[in-house]
Amino acid sequence: MTGRSIALFAAAALAEIAGVYLIWASLREGKGPLALAGGAVALVLYGVLATRQPSNSFGQVLAAYGGVFVVGSLLWGIAFDGFTPDLYDLAGAVVCLVGVGLIMYAPR
């Protein structure tokens, strides 16, 4: 179940970050209504993917997803925005992933 959950987190992060990026590109960079619509679709997909997590606790899933979002945002910046993380960015990403692991996968 953990592998499926991790895959869902990764897919949700991609959908949300891409959706926000497309809306940003539409409204701030003049990419037009097609980018805006694509962003809206991606954000709906993010919401659907989040509901597929095995936990029934919305708060738990969303809290854990926050850490995944931080790491995904840094990766998006590296891949598409010329961002180079420093030691503190990388350390923060590790802290976030440890938090995700504790929230979602610690034995209860």
PDB file of N, CA and C in Angstrom:
ATOM      1  N   MET A   1       0.818  -1.202   0.000  1.00  0.00           N
ATOM      2  CA  MET A   1       0.000   0.000   0.000  1.00  0.00           C
ATOM      3  C   MET A   1       0.857   1.260   0.000  1.00  0.00           C
ATOM      4  N   THR A   2       2.033   1.203   0.602  1.00  0.00           N
ATOM      5  CA  THR A   2       2.892   2.383   0.674  1.00  0.00           C
ATOM      6  C   THR A   2       3.345   2.823  -0.708  1.00  0.00           C
ATOM      7  N   GLY A   3       3.704   1.875  -1.562  1.00  0.00           N
ATOM      8  CA  GLY A   3       4.137   2.229  -2.917  1.00  0.00           C
ATOM      9  C   GLY A   3       3.050   2.951  -3.689  1.00  0.00           C
ATOM     10  N   ARG A   4       1.825   2.475  -3.558  1.00  0.00           N
ATOM     11  CA  ARG A   4       0.689   3.132  -4.232  1.00  0.00           C
ATOM     12  C   ARG A   4       0.489   4.533  -3.668  1.00  0.00           C
ATOM     13  N   SER A   5       0.600   4.675  -2.371  1.00  0.00           N
ATOM     14  CA  SER A   5       0.426   5.971  -1.729  1.00  0.00           C
ATOM     15  C   SER A   5       1.491   6.961  -2.195  1.00  0.00           C
ATOM     16  N   ILE A   6       2.733   6.515  -2.270  1.00  0.00           N
ATOM     17  CA  ILE A   6       3.822   7.389  -2.729  1.00  0.00           C
ATOM     18  C   ILE A   6       3.588   7.805  -4.175  1.00  0.00           C
ATOM     19  N   ALA A   7       3.159   6.866  -5.010  1.00  0.00           N
ATOM     20  CA  ALA A   7       2.868   7.189  -6.408  1.00  0.00           C
ATOM     21  C   ALA A   7       1.733   8.209  -6.510  1.00  0.00           C
ATOM     22  N   LEU A   8       0.715   8.060  -5.671  1.00  0.00           N
ATOM     23  CA  LEU A   8      -0.386   9.025  -5.661  1.00  0.00           C
ATOM     24  C   LEU A   8       0.090  10.411  -5.230  1.00  0.00           C
ATOM     25  N   PHE A   9       0.950  10.458  -4.207  1.00  0.00           N
ATOM     26  CA  PHE A   9       1.496  11.747  -3.790  1.00  0.00           C
ATOM     27  C   PHE A   9       2.282  12.394  -4.927  1.00  0.00           C
ATOM     28  N   ALA A  10       3.103  11.619  -5.617  1.00  0.00           N
ATOM     29  CA  ALA A  10       3.904  12.161  -6.716  1.00  0.00           C
ATOM     30  C   ALA A  10       3.012  12.667  -7.854  1.00  0.00           C
ATOM     31  N   ALA A  11       1.998  11.889  -8.202  1.00  0.00           N
ATOM     32  CA  ALA A  11       1.085  12.299  -9.272  1.00  0.00           C
ATOM     33  C   ALA A  11       0.293  13.546  -8.876  1.00  0.00           C
ATOM     34  N   ALA A  12      -0.146  13.593  -7.624  1.00  0.00           N
ATOM     35  CA  ALA A  12      -0.887  14.764  -7.144  1.00  0.00           C
ATOM     36  C   ALA A  12      -0.009  15.999  -7.166  1.00  0.00           C
ATOM     37  N   ALA A  13       1.249  15.853  -6.755  1.00  0.00           N
ATOM     38  CA  ALA A  13       2.169  16.996  -6.779  1.00  0.00           C
ATOM     39  C   ALA A  13       2.367  17.500  -8.198  1.00  0.00           C
ATOM     40  N   LEU A  14       2.563  16.592  -9.120  1.00  0.00           N
ATOM     41  CA  LEU A  14       2.741  16.988 -10.519  1.00  0.00           C
ATOM     42  C   LEU A  14       1.502  17.715 -11.030  1.00  0.00           C
ATOM     43  N   ALA A  15       0.325  17.183 -10.727  1.00  0.00           N
ATOM     44  CA  ALA A  15      -0.915  17.820 -11.190  1.00  0.00           C
ATOM     45  C   ALA A  15      -1.087  19.208 -10.582  1.00  0.00           C
ATOM     46  N   GLU A  16      -0.860  19.335  -9.278  1.00  0.00           N
ATOM     47  CA  GLU A  16      -1.070  20.639  -8.645  1.00  0.00           C
ATOM     48  C   GLU A  16      -0.038  21.666  -9.105  1.00  0.00           C
ATOM     49  N   ILE A  17       1.211  21.280  -9.123  1.00  0.00           N
ATOM     50  CA  ILE A  17       2.250  22.232  -9.512  1.00  0.00           C
ATOM     51  C   ILE A  17       2.103  22.628 -10.970  1.00  0.00           C
ATOM     52  N   ALA A  18       1.809  21.672 -11.838  1.00  0.00           N
ATOM     53  CA  ALA A  18       1.584  22.001 -13.247  1.00  0.00           C
ATOM     54  C   ALA A  18       0.361  22.892 -13.402  1.00  0.00           C
ATOM     55  N   GLY A  19      -0.694  22.605 -12.632  1.00  0.00           N
ATOM     56  CA  GLY A  19      -1.900  23.425 -12.713  1.00  0.00           C
ATOM     57  C   GLY A  19      -1.652  24.860 -12.301  1.00  0.00           C
ATOM     58  N   VAL A  20      -0.965  25.040 -11.186  1.00  0.00           N
ATOM     59  CA  VAL A  20      -0.657  26.403 -10.732  1.00  0.00           C
ATOM     60  C   VAL A  20       0.274  27.087 -11.720  1.00  0.00           C
ATOM     61  N   TYR A  21       1.234  26.353 -12.256  1.00  0.00           N
ATOM     62  CA  TYR A  21       2.144  26.924 -13.247  1.00  0.00           C
ATOM     63  C   TYR A  21       1.383  27.405 -14.484  1.00  0.00           C
ATOM     64  N   LEU A  22       0.451  26.579 -14.957  1.00  0.00           N
ATOM     65  CA  LEU A  22      -0.309  26.976 -16.153  1.00  0.00           C
ATOM     66  C   LEU A  22      -1.177  28.201 -15.884  1.00  0.00           C
ATOM     67  N   ILE A  23      -1.765  28.288 -14.704  1.00  0.00           N
ATOM     68  CA  ILE A  23      -2.554  29.473 -14.366  1.00  0.00           C
ATOM     69  C   ILE A  23      -1.637  30.685 -14.263  1.00  0.00           C
ATOM     70  N   TRP A  24      -0.481  30.517 -13.641  1.00  0.00           N
ATOM     71  CA  TRP A  24       0.521  31.588 -13.568  1.00  0.00           C
ATOM     72  C   TRP A  24       0.893  32.054 -14.977  1.00  0.00           C
ATOM     73  N   ALA A  25       1.202  31.083 -15.851  1.00  0.00           N
ATOM     74  CA  ALA A  25       1.602  31.422 -17.219  1.00  0.00           C
ATOM     75  C   ALA A  25       0.492  32.160 -17.958  1.00  0.00           C
ATOM     76  N   SER A  26      -0.741  31.756 -17.734  1.00  0.00           N
ATOM     77  CA  SER A  26      -1.874  32.410 -18.393  1.00  0.00           C
ATOM     78  C   SER A  26      -2.055  33.838 -17.913  1.00  0.00           C
ATOM     79  N   LEU A  27      -2.066  34.020 -16.607  1.00  0.00           N
ATOM     80  CA  LEU A  27      -2.404  35.332 -16.048  1.00  0.00           C
ATOM     81  C   LEU A  27      -1.219  36.278 -15.938  1.00  0.00           C
ATOM     82  N   ARG A  28      -0.030  35.754 -15.728  1.00  0.00           N
ATOM     83  CA  ARG A  28       1.130  36.622 -15.516  1.00  0.00           C
ATOM     84  C   ARG A  28       2.018  36.731 -16.745  1.00  0.00           C
ATOM     85  N   GLU A  29       1.943  35.740 -17.624  1.00  0.00           N
ATOM     86  CA  GLU A  29       2.825  35.741 -18.793  1.00  0.00           C
ATOM     87  C   GLU A  29       2.048  35.808 -20.100  1.00  0.00           C
ATOM     88  N   GLY A  30       0.736  35.994 -20.013  1.00  0.00           N
ATOM     89  CA  GLY A  30      -0.080  36.161 -21.211  1.00  0.00           C
ATOM     90  C   GLY A  30      -0.191  34.940 -22.095  1.00  0.00           C
ATOM     91  N   LYS A  31      -0.134  33.750 -21.521  1.00  0.00           N
ATOM     92  CA  LYS A  31      -0.208  32.524 -22.332  1.00  0.00           C
ATOM     93  C   LYS A  31      -1.614  32.200 -22.809  1.00  0.00           C
ATOM     94  N   GLY A  32      -2.612  32.920 -22.329  1.00  0.00           N
ATOM     95  CA  GLY A  32      -3.954  32.798 -22.865  1.00  0.00           C
ATOM     96  C   GLY A  32      -4.874  31.851 -22.128  1.00  0.00           C
ATOM     97  N   PRO A  33      -6.109  31.794 -22.621  1.00  0.00           N
ATOM     98  CA  PRO A  33      -7.145  31.023 -21.930  1.00  0.00           C
ATOM     99  C   PRO A  33      -6.937  29.509 -21.991  1.00  0.00           C
ATOM    100  N   LEU A  34      -6.245  29.015 -22.975  1.00  0.00           N
ATOM    101  CA  LEU A  34      -6.016  27.571 -23.051  1.00  0.00           C
ATOM    102  C   LEU A  34      -5.120  27.108 -21.890  1.00  0.00           C
ATOM    103  N   ALA A  35      -4.105  27.894 -21.566  1.00  0.00           N
ATOM    104  CA  ALA A  35      -3.251  27.570 -20.422  1.00  0.00           C
ATOM    105  C   ALA A  35      -4.064  27.654 -19.134  1.00  0.00           C
ATOM    106  N   LEU A  36      -4.932  28.641 -19.033  1.00  0.00           N
ATOM    107  CA  LEU A  36      -5.781  28.791 -17.852  1.00  0.00           C
ATOM    108  C   LEU A  36      -6.693  27.570 -17.702  1.00  0.00           C
ATOM    109  N   ALA A  37      -7.306  27.141 -18.775  1.00  0.00           N
ATOM    110  CA  ALA A  37      -8.189  25.972 -18.735  1.00  0.00           C
ATOM    111  C   ALA A  37      -7.403  24.706 -18.393  1.00  0.00           C
ATOM    112  N   GLY A  38      -6.222  24.561 -18.967  1.00  0.00           N
ATOM    113  CA  GLY A  38      -5.379  23.405 -18.650  1.00  0.00           C
ATOM    114  C   GLY A  38      -5.000  23.382 -17.177  1.00  0.00           C
ATOM    115  N   GLY A  39      -4.715  24.559 -16.637  1.00  0.00           N
ATOM    116  CA  GLY A  39      -4.402  24.648 -15.218  1.00  0.00           C
ATOM    117  C   GLY A  39      -5.575  24.244 -14.352  1.00  0.00           C
ATOM    118  N   ALA A  40      -6.767  24.679 -14.729  1.00  0.00           N
ATOM    119  CA  ALA A  40      -7.965  24.323 -13.966  1.00  0.00           C
ATOM    120  C   ALA A  40      -8.197  22.812 -13.989  1.00  0.00           C
ATOM    121  N   VAL A  41      -8.029  22.199 -15.142  1.00  0.00           N
ATOM    122  CA  VAL A  41      -8.199  20.744 -15.259  1.00  0.00           C
ATOM    123  C   VAL A  41      -7.166  20.026 -14.393  1.00  0.00           C
ATOM    124  N   ALA A  42      -5.924  20.479 -14.438  1.00  0.00           N
ATOM    125  CA  ALA A  42      -4.870  19.848 -13.641  1.00  0.00           C
ATOM    126  C   ALA A  42      -5.165  19.966 -12.146  1.00  0.00           C
ATOM    127  N   LEU A  43      -5.701  21.104 -11.717  1.00  0.00           N
ATOM    128  CA  LEU A  43      -6.013  21.274 -10.297  1.00  0.00           C
ATOM    129  C   LEU A  43      -7.172  20.381  -9.861  1.00  0.00           C
ATOM    130  N   VAL A  44      -8.139  20.178 -10.732  1.00  0.00           N
ATOM    131  CA  VAL A  44      -9.214  19.230 -10.420  1.00  0.00           C
ATOM    132  C   VAL A  44      -8.632  17.816 -10.313  1.00  0.00           C
ATOM    133  N   LEU A  45      -7.739  17.478 -11.227  1.00  0.00           N
ATOM    134  CA  LEU A  45      -7.089  16.166 -11.171  1.00  0.00           C
ATOM    135  C   LEU A  45      -6.336  15.989  -9.855  1.00  0.00           C
ATOM    136  N   TYR A  46      -5.656  17.032  -9.405  1.00  0.00           N
ATOM    137  CA  TYR A  46      -4.971  16.974  -8.104  1.00  0.00           C
ATOM    138  C   TYR A  46      -5.976  16.603  -7.008  1.00  0.00           C
ATOM    139  N   GLY A  47      -7.115  17.267  -6.987  1.00  0.00           N
ATOM    140  CA  GLY A  47      -8.121  16.989  -5.967  1.00  0.00           C
ATOM    141  C   GLY A  47      -8.612  15.557  -6.015  1.00  0.00           C
ATOM    142  N   VAL A  48      -8.800  15.033  -7.207  1.00  0.00           N
ATOM    143  CA  VAL A  48      -9.248  13.646  -7.362  1.00  0.00           C
ATOM    144  C   VAL A  48      -8.164  12.687  -6.868  1.00  0.00           C
ATOM    145  N   LEU A  49      -6.923  12.943  -7.238  1.00  0.00           N
ATOM    146  CA  LEU A  49      -5.827  12.065  -6.817  1.00  0.00           C
ATOM    147  C   LEU A  49      -5.683  12.034  -5.293  1.00  0.00           C
ATOM    148  N   ALA A  50      -5.868  13.174  -4.660  1.00  0.00           N
ATOM    149  CA  ALA A  50      -5.752  13.229  -3.198  1.00  0.00           C
ATOM    150  C   ALA A  50      -6.782  12.330  -2.519  1.00  0.00           C
ATOM    151  N   THR A  51      -7.948  12.188  -3.123  1.00  0.00           N
ATOM    152  CA  THR A  51      -8.992  11.345  -2.513  1.00  0.00           C
ATOM    153  C   THR A  51      -8.666   9.857  -2.607  1.00  0.00           C
ATOM    154  N   ARG A  52      -7.695   9.497  -3.392  1.00  0.00           N
ATOM    155  CA  ARG A  52      -7.349   8.086  -3.585  1.00  0.00           C
ATOM    156  C   ARG A  52      -6.364   7.562  -2.542  1.00  0.00           C
ATOM    157  N   GLN A  53      -5.868   8.446  -1.682  1.00  0.00           N
ATOM    158  CA  GLN A  53      -4.950   8.000  -0.627  1.00  0.00           C
ATOM    159  C   GLN A  53      -5.666   7.013   0.293  1.00  0.00           C
ATOM    160  N   PRO A  54      -4.931   6.043   0.848  1.00  0.00           N
ATOM    161  CA  PRO A  54      -5.585   5.046   1.690  1.00  0.00           C
ATOM    162  C   PRO A  54      -6.109   5.588   3.022  1.00  0.00           C
ATOM    163  N   SER A  55      -5.568   6.686   3.501  1.00  0.00           N
ATOM    164  CA  SER A  55      -6.047   7.252   4.762  1.00  0.00           C
ATOM    165  C   SER A  55      -7.416   7.892   4.564  1.00  0.00           C
ATOM    166  N   ASN A  56      -8.276   7.759   5.560  1.00  0.00           N
ATOM    167  CA  ASN A  56      -9.589   8.406   5.516  1.00  0.00           C
ATOM    168  C   ASN A  56      -9.588   9.778   6.162  1.00  0.00           C
ATOM    169  N   SER A  57      -8.432  10.225   6.617  1.00  0.00           N
ATOM    170  CA  SER A  57      -8.326  11.510   7.292  1.00  0.00           C
ATOM    171  C   SER A  57      -7.856  12.587   6.322  1.00  0.00           C
ATOM    172  N   PHE A  58      -8.769  13.485   5.959  1.00  0.00           N
ATOM    173  CA  PHE A  58      -8.419  14.575   5.042  1.00  0.00           C
ATOM    174  C   PHE A  58      -7.254  15.385   5.587  1.00  0.00           C
ATOM    175  N   GLY A  59      -7.312  15.718   6.869  1.00  0.00           N
ATOM    176  CA  GLY A  59      -6.255  16.528   7.472  1.00  0.00           C
ATOM    177  C   GLY A  59      -4.900  15.850   7.416  1.00  0.00           C
ATOM    178  N   GLN A  60      -4.879  14.556   7.674  1.00  0.00           N
ATOM    179  CA  GLN A  60      -3.630  13.807   7.630  1.00  0.00           C
ATOM    180  C   GLN A  60      -3.053  13.787   6.221  1.00  0.00           C
ATOM    181  N   VAL A  61      -3.886  13.487   5.247  1.00  0.00           N
ATOM    182  CA  VAL A  61      -3.422  13.427   3.859  1.00  0.00           C
ATOM    183  C   VAL A  61      -2.939  14.797   3.404  1.00  0.00           C
ATOM    184  N   LEU A  62      -3.696  15.843   3.695  1.00  0.00           N
ATOM    185  CA  LEU A  62      -3.304  17.167   3.235  1.00  0.00           C
ATOM    186  C   LEU A  62      -2.042  17.653   3.940  1.00  0.00           C
ATOM    187  N   ALA A  63      -1.900  17.356   5.226  1.00  0.00           N
ATOM    188  CA  ALA A  63      -0.691  17.741   5.955  1.00  0.00           C
ATOM    189  C   ALA A  63       0.534  17.048   5.360  1.00  0.00           C
ATOM    190  N   ALA A  64       0.426  15.754   5.119  1.00  0.00           N
ATOM    191  CA  ALA A  64       1.541  15.020   4.530  1.00  0.00           C
ATOM    192  C   ALA A  64       1.826  15.520   3.120  1.00  0.00           C
ATOM    193  N   TYR A  65       0.764  15.793   2.367  1.00  0.00           N
ATOM    194  CA  TYR A  65       0.957  16.268   1.005  1.00  0.00           C
ATOM    195  C   TYR A  65       1.721  17.598   0.982  1.00  0.00           C
ATOM    196  N   GLY A  66       1.560  18.413   2.025  1.00  0.00           N
ATOM    197  CA  GLY A  66       2.300  19.674   2.084  1.00  0.00           C
ATOM    198  C   GLY A  66       3.794  19.457   1.936  1.00  0.00           C
ATOM    199  N   GLY A  67       4.316  18.425   2.591  1.00  0.00           N
ATOM    200  CA  GLY A  67       5.742  18.117   2.459  1.00  0.00           C
ATOM    201  C   GLY A  67       6.107  17.657   1.060  1.00  0.00           C
ATOM    202  N   VAL A  68       5.237  16.862   0.462  1.00  0.00           N
ATOM    203  CA  VAL A  68       5.466  16.403  -0.916  1.00  0.00           C
ATOM    204  C   VAL A  68       5.451  17.602  -1.866  1.00  0.00           C
ATOM    205  N   PHE A  69       4.534  18.540  -1.623  1.00  0.00           N
ATOM    206  CA  PHE A  69       4.434  19.730  -2.459  1.00  0.00           C
ATOM    207  C   PHE A  69       5.718  20.558  -2.391  1.00  0.00           C
ATOM    208  N   VAL A  70       6.290  20.699  -1.208  1.00  0.00           N
ATOM    209  CA  VAL A  70       7.536  21.458  -1.062  1.00  0.00           C
ATOM    210  C   VAL A  70       8.632  20.839  -1.920  1.00  0.00           C
ATOM    211  N   VAL A  71       8.804  19.532  -1.810  1.00  0.00           N
ATOM    212  CA  VAL A  71       9.846  18.850  -2.573  1.00  0.00           C
ATOM    213  C   VAL A  71       9.541  18.929  -4.076  1.00  0.00           C
ATOM    214  N   GLY A  72       8.282  18.701  -4.446  1.00  0.00           N
ATOM    215  CA  GLY A  72       7.900  18.784  -5.861  1.00  0.00           C
ATOM    216  C   GLY A  72       8.120  20.163  -6.434  1.00  0.00           C
ATOM    217  N   SER A  73       7.854  21.193  -5.652  1.00  0.00           N
ATOM    218  CA  SER A  73       8.058  22.564  -6.119  1.00  0.00           C
ATOM    219  C   SER A  73       9.530  22.853  -6.372  1.00  0.00           C
ATOM    220  N   LEU A  74      10.391  22.362  -5.481  1.00  0.00           N
ATOM    221  CA  LEU A  74      11.823  22.536  -5.705  1.00  0.00           C
ATOM    222  C   LEU A  74      12.265  21.807  -6.975  1.00  0.00           C
ATOM    223  N   LEU A  75      11.777  20.585  -7.160  1.00  0.00           N
ATOM    224  CA  LEU A  75      12.121  19.832  -8.369  1.00  0.00           C
ATOM    225  C   LEU A  75      11.603  20.512  -9.630  1.00  0.00           C
ATOM    226  N   TRP A  76      10.391  21.064  -9.564  1.00  0.00           N
ATOM    227  CA  TRP A  76       9.835  21.796 -10.710  1.00  0.00           C
ATOM    228  C   TRP A  76      10.732  22.992 -11.035  1.00  0.00           C
ATOM    229  N   GLY A  77      11.145  23.713 -10.006  1.00  0.00           N
ATOM    230  CA  GLY A  77      12.023  24.862 -10.211  1.00  0.00           C
ATOM    231  C   GLY A  77      13.336  24.474 -10.868  1.00  0.00           C
ATOM    232  N   ILE A  78      13.889  23.337 -10.461  1.00  0.00           N
ATOM    233  CA  ILE A  78      15.131  22.855 -11.071  1.00  0.00           C
ATOM    234  C   ILE A  78      14.900  22.511 -12.534  1.00  0.00           C
ATOM    235  N   ALA A  79      13.829  21.792 -12.811  1.00  0.00           N
ATOM    236  CA  ALA A  79      13.563  21.301 -14.168  1.00  0.00           C
ATOM    237  C   ALA A  79      13.128  22.392 -15.138  1.00  0.00           C
ATOM    238  N   PHE A  80      12.333  23.367 -14.662  1.00  0.00           N
ATOM    239  CA  PHE A  80      11.689  24.286 -15.596  1.00  0.00           C
ATOM    240  C   PHE A  80      11.997  25.768 -15.370  1.00  0.00           C
ATOM    241  N   ASP A  81      12.671  26.095 -14.276  1.00  0.00           N
ATOM    242  CA  ASP A  81      12.830  27.512 -13.957  1.00  0.00           C
ATOM    243  C   ASP A  81      14.274  27.914 -13.691  1.00  0.00           C
ATOM    244  N   GLY A  82      15.202  27.024 -13.931  1.00  0.00           N
ATOM    245  CA  GLY A  82      16.604  27.347 -13.733  1.00  0.00           C
ATOM    246  C   GLY A  82      17.016  27.520 -12.277  1.00  0.00           C
ATOM    247  N   PHE A  83      16.238  26.975 -11.359  1.00  0.00           N
ATOM    248  CA  PHE A  83      16.507  27.098  -9.935  1.00  0.00           C
ATOM    249  C   PHE A  83      17.597  26.129  -9.519  1.00  0.00           C
ATOM    250  N   THR A  84      18.520  26.596  -8.706  1.00  0.00           N
ATOM    251  CA  THR A  84      19.555  25.737  -8.135  1.00  0.00           C
ATOM    252  C   THR A  84      19.410  25.755  -6.623  1.00  0.00           C
ATOM    253  N   PRO A  85      19.018  24.632  -6.039  1.00  0.00           N
ATOM    254  CA  PRO A  85      18.837  24.604  -4.584  1.00  0.00           C
ATOM    255  C   PRO A  85      20.175  24.675  -3.860  1.00  0.00           C
ATOM    256  N   ASP A  86      20.152  25.318  -2.697  1.00  0.00           N
ATOM    257  CA  ASP A  86      21.353  25.332  -1.866  1.00  0.00           C
ATOM    258  C   ASP A  86      21.200  24.276  -0.768  1.00  0.00           C
ATOM    259  N   LEU A  87      22.170  24.225   0.106  1.00  0.00           N
ATOM    260  CA  LEU A  87      22.175  23.232   1.167  1.00  0.00           C
ATOM    261  C   LEU A  87      20.922  23.325   2.031  1.00  0.00           C
ATOM    262  N   TYR A  88      20.455  24.543   2.297  1.00  0.00           N
ATOM    263  CA  TYR A  88      19.287  24.720   3.155  1.00  0.00           C
ATOM    264  C   TYR A  88      18.001  24.278   2.452  1.00  0.00           C
ATOM    265  N   ASP A  89      17.923  24.486   1.154  1.00  0.00           N
ATOM    266  CA  ASP A  89      16.776  23.978   0.398  1.00  0.00           C
ATOM    267  C   ASP A  89      16.738  22.451   0.473  1.00  0.00           C
ATOM    268  N   LEU A  90      17.891  21.843   0.269  1.00  0.00           N
ATOM    269  CA  LEU A  90      17.957  20.375   0.301  1.00  0.00           C
ATOM    270  C   LEU A  90      17.662  19.831   1.699  1.00  0.00           C
ATOM    271  N   ALA A  91      18.204  20.482   2.719  1.00  0.00           N
ATOM    272  CA  ALA A  91      17.929  20.046   4.092  1.00  0.00           C
ATOM    273  C   ALA A  91      16.447  20.194   4.410  1.00  0.00           C
ATOM    274  N   GLY A  92      15.846  21.297   3.986  1.00  0.00           N
ATOM    275  CA  GLY A  92      14.419  21.494   4.208  1.00  0.00           C
ATOM    276  C   GLY A  92      13.588  20.437   3.512  1.00  0.00           C
ATOM    277  N   ALA A  93      14.003  20.062   2.299  1.00  0.00           N
ATOM    278  CA  ALA A  93      13.281  19.018   1.569  1.00  0.00           C
ATOM    279  C   ALA A  93      13.349  17.685   2.313  1.00  0.00           C
ATOM    280  N   VAL A  94      14.505  17.373   2.860  1.00  0.00           N
ATOM    281  CA  VAL A  94      14.649  16.127   3.626  1.00  0.00           C
ATOM    282  C   VAL A  94      13.756  16.165   4.860  1.00  0.00           C
ATOM    283  N   VAL A  95      13.743  17.290   5.561  1.00  0.00           N
ATOM    284  CA  VAL A  95      12.881  17.429   6.738  1.00  0.00           C
ATOM    285  C   VAL A  95      11.419  17.210   6.348  1.00  0.00           C
ATOM    286  N   CYS A  96      11.011  17.798   5.229  1.00  0.00           N
ATOM    287  CA  CYS A  96       9.628  17.636   4.770  1.00  0.00           C
ATOM    288  C   CYS A  96       9.306  16.169   4.488  1.00  0.00           C
ATOM    289  N   LEU A  97      10.217  15.477   3.819  1.00  0.00           N
ATOM    290  CA  LEU A  97       9.959  14.066   3.508  1.00  0.00           C
ATOM    291  C   LEU A  97       9.932  13.196   4.752  1.00  0.00           C
ATOM    292  N   VAL A  98      10.762  13.520   5.735  1.00  0.00           N
ATOM    293  CA  VAL A  98      10.691  12.796   7.003  1.00  0.00           C
ATOM    294  C   VAL A  98       9.327  13.033   7.638  1.00  0.00           C
ATOM    295  N   GLY A  99       8.846  14.262   7.578  1.00  0.00           N
ATOM    296  CA  GLY A  99       7.515  14.567   8.111  1.00  0.00           C
ATOM    297  C   GLY A  99       6.422  13.798   7.405  1.00  0.00           C
ATOM    298  N   VAL A 100       6.513  13.703   6.085  1.00  0.00           N
ATOM    299  CA  VAL A 100       5.539  12.925   5.327  1.00  0.00           C
ATOM    300  C   VAL A 100       5.553  11.470   5.794  1.00  0.00           C
ATOM    301  N   GLY A 101       6.750  10.928   5.953  1.00  0.00           N
ATOM    302  CA  GLY A 101       6.863   9.533   6.394  1.00  0.00           C
ATOM    303  C   GLY A 101       6.254   9.320   7.765  1.00  0.00           C
ATOM    304  N   LEU A 102       6.496  10.248   8.674  1.00  0.00           N
ATOM    305  CA  LEU A 102       5.921  10.120  10.016  1.00  0.00           C
ATOM    306  C   LEU A 102       4.411  10.233   9.995  1.00  0.00           C
ATOM    307  N   ILE A 103       3.889  11.200   9.273  1.00  0.00           N
ATOM    308  CA  ILE A 103       2.454  11.428   9.251  1.00  0.00           C
ATOM    309  C   ILE A 103       1.705  10.264   8.593  1.00  0.00           C
ATOM    310  N   MET A 104       2.228   9.800   7.474  1.00  0.00           N
ATOM    311  CA  MET A 104       1.475   8.808   6.696  1.00  0.00           C
ATOM    312  C   MET A 104       1.820   7.361   7.011  1.00  0.00           C
ATOM    313  N   TYR A 105       3.061   7.079   7.340  1.00  0.00           N
ATOM    314  CA  TYR A 105       3.485   5.682   7.336  1.00  0.00           C
ATOM    315  C   TYR A 105       3.992   5.170   8.694  1.00  0.00           C
ATOM    316  N   ALA A 106       4.003   6.001   9.723  1.00  0.00           N
ATOM    317  CA  ALA A 106       4.445   5.520  11.037  1.00  0.00           C
ATOM    318  C   ALA A 106       3.414   4.524  11.571  1.00  0.00           C
ATOM    319  N   PRO A 107       3.892   3.471  12.221  1.00  0.00           N
ATOM    320  CA  PRO A 107       2.940   2.501  12.780  1.00  0.00           C
ATOM    321  C   PRO A 107       2.105   3.164  13.881  1.00  0.00           C
ATOM    322  N   ARG A 108       0.841   2.847  13.883  1.00  0.00           N
ATOM    323  CA  ARG A 108      -0.062   3.428  14.875  1.00  0.00           C
ATOM    324  C   ARG A 108      -0.715   2.318  15.657  1.00  0.00           C
TER     325      ARG A 108
END
